[in-house]
C-alpha atoms as a PDB file:
ATOM      1  CA  ARG A   1       6.159   2.859  42.233  1.00  0.00           C
ATOM      2  CA  ARG A   2       4.506   3.812  38.942  1.00  0.00           C
ATOM      3  CA  GLU A   3       4.780   7.513  39.845  1.00  0.00           C
ATOM      4  CA  GLU A   4       8.555   7.122  40.331  1.00  0.00           C
ATOM      5  CA  GLN A   5       8.874   5.449  36.954  1.00  0.00           C
ATOM      6  CA  ASN A   6       6.816   8.163  35.269  1.00  0.00           C
ATOM      7  CA  GLU A   7       8.945  10.841  36.908  1.00  0.00           C
ATOM      8  CA  ARG A   8      12.165   9.225  35.669  1.00  0.00           C
ATOM      9  CA  MET A   9      10.751   8.875  32.154  1.00  0.00           C
ATOM     10  CA  LYS A  10       9.685  12.514  32.157  1.00  0.00           C
ATOM     11  CA  GLU A  11      13.188  13.596  33.237  1.00  0.00           C
ATOM     12  CA  GLN A  12      14.782  11.538  30.473  1.00  0.00           C
ATOM     13  CA  ARG A  13      12.419  12.929  27.866  1.00  0.00           C
ATOM     14  CA  ASN A  14      13.238  16.475  28.914  1.00  0.00           C
ATOM     15  CA  LYS A  15      16.977  15.889  29.167  1.00  0.00           C
ATOM     16  CA  GLY A  16      17.775  17.225  25.690  1.00  0.00           C
ATOM     17  CA  THR A  17      16.626  20.752  24.958  1.00  0.00           C
ATOM     18  CA  LYS A  18      13.841  21.356  22.486  1.00  0.00           C
ATOM     19  CA  GLU A  19      16.434  22.477  19.944  1.00  0.00           C
ATOM     20  CA  GLN A  20      18.434  19.267  20.364  1.00  0.00           C
ATOM     21  CA  ARG A  21      15.382  17.086  20.040  1.00  0.00           C
ATOM     22  CA  ASN A  22      14.362  18.933  16.882  1.00  0.00           C
ATOM     23  CA  LYS A  23      17.845  18.783  15.392  1.00  0.00           C
ATOM     24  CA  GLY A  24      16.618  16.588  12.528  1.00  0.00           C
ATOM     25  CA  THR A  25      14.461  19.202  10.867  1.00  0.00           C
ATOM     26  CA  LYS A  26      11.248  18.398   9.050  1.00  0.00           C
ATOM     27  CA  GLU A  27      13.116  18.887   5.777  1.00  0.00           C
ATOM     28  CA  GLN A  28      15.775  16.356   6.760  1.00  0.00           C
ATOM     29  CA  ARG A  29      13.229  13.830   7.860  1.00  0.00           C
ATOM     30  CA  ASN A  30      11.424  14.238   4.543  1.00  0.00           C
ATOM     31  CA  LYS A  31      14.639  14.006   2.536  1.00  0.00           C
ATOM     32  CA  GLY A  32      13.400  10.829   0.845  1.00  0.00           C
ATOM     33  CA  THR A  33      10.727  12.549  -1.172  1.00  0.00           C
ATOM     34  CA  LYS A  34       7.390  11.036  -2.051  1.00  0.00           C
ATOM     35  CA  GLU A  35       8.718  10.461  -5.556  1.00  0.00           C
ATOM     36  CA  GLN A  36      11.720   8.516  -4.252  1.00  0.00           C
ATOM     37  CA  ARG A  37       9.560   6.386  -2.002  1.00  0.00           C
ATOM     38  CA  ASN A  38       7.293   5.618  -4.940  1.00  0.00           C
ATOM     39  CA  LYS A  39      10.198   4.943  -7.288  1.00  0.00           C
ATOM     40  CA  GLY A  40       8.990   1.395  -7.863  1.00  0.00           C
ATOM     41  CA  THR A  41       5.997   2.105 -10.027  1.00  0.00           C
ATOM     42  CA  LYS A  42       2.617   0.501  -9.507  1.00  0.00           C
ATOM     43  CA  GLU A  43       3.362  -1.782 -12.447  1.00  0.00           C
ATOM     44  CA  GLN A  44       6.630  -2.976 -10.911  1.00  0.00           C
ATOM     45  CA  LYS A  45       4.972  -3.593  -7.569  1.00  0.00           C
ATOM     46  CA  ASN A  46       2.265  -5.605  -9.290  1.00  0.00           C
ATOM     47  CA  LYS A  47       4.733  -7.525 -11.447  1.00  0.00           C
ATOM     48  CA  ARG A  48       3.576 -10.781  -9.901  1.00  0.00           C
ATOM     49  CA  THR A  49       0.132 -10.882 -11.381  1.00  0.00           C
ATOM     50  CA  LYS A  50      -2.899 -12.241  -9.629  1.00  0.00           C
ATOM     51  CA  GLU A  51      -2.546 -15.435 -11.661  1.00  0.00           C
ATOM     52  CA  GLN A  52       1.083 -15.926 -10.614  1.00  0.00           C
ATOM     53  CA  LYS A  53       0.221 -15.322  -6.978  1.00  0.00           C
ATOM     54  CA  ASN A  54      -2.606 -17.839  -7.102  1.00  0.00           C
ATOM     55  CA  LYS A  55      -0.746 -20.462  -9.141  1.00  0.00           C
ATOM     56  CA  ARG A  56       1.483 -21.537  -6.290  1.00  0.00           C
ATOM     57  CA  THR A  57      -1.301 -21.622  -3.741  1.00  0.00           C
ATOM     58  CA  LYS A  58      -3.466 -23.712  -6.050  1.00  0.00           C
ATOM     59  CA  GLU A  59      -0.638 -26.240  -6.480  1.00  0.00           C
ATOM     60  CA  GLN A  60      -0.019 -26.275  -2.739  1.00  0.00           C
ATOM     61  CA  ARG A  61      -3.692 -26.857  -2.033  1.00  0.00           C
ATOM     62  CA  ASN A  62      -3.754 -29.781  -4.459  1.00  0.00           C
ATOM     63  CA  LYS A  63      -0.599 -31.267  -2.988  1.00  0.00           C
ATOM     64  CA  ARG A  64      -2.161 -31.283   0.468  1.00  0.00           C
ATOM     65  CA  THR A  65      -5.318 -33.027  -0.707  1.00  0.00           C
ATOM     66  CA  LYS A  66      -3.373 -35.736  -2.549  1.00  0.00           C
ATOM     67  CA  GLU A  67      -1.289 -36.667   0.491  1.00  0.00           C
END
């Protein structure tokens, strides 16, 4: 049973020619350059400072203990 399934999967994988499968070239796939991906600078990503992140959790922790 498993062999049949593997055979079918293999056929499907090989259905499109190598050229068709590689239609999206490396260049196209990498169109969004590293710079674009990193557009949001480190500073922007870290806008919520450690203190801000911890403020809410601290309040939540206290709320739980009071109840």
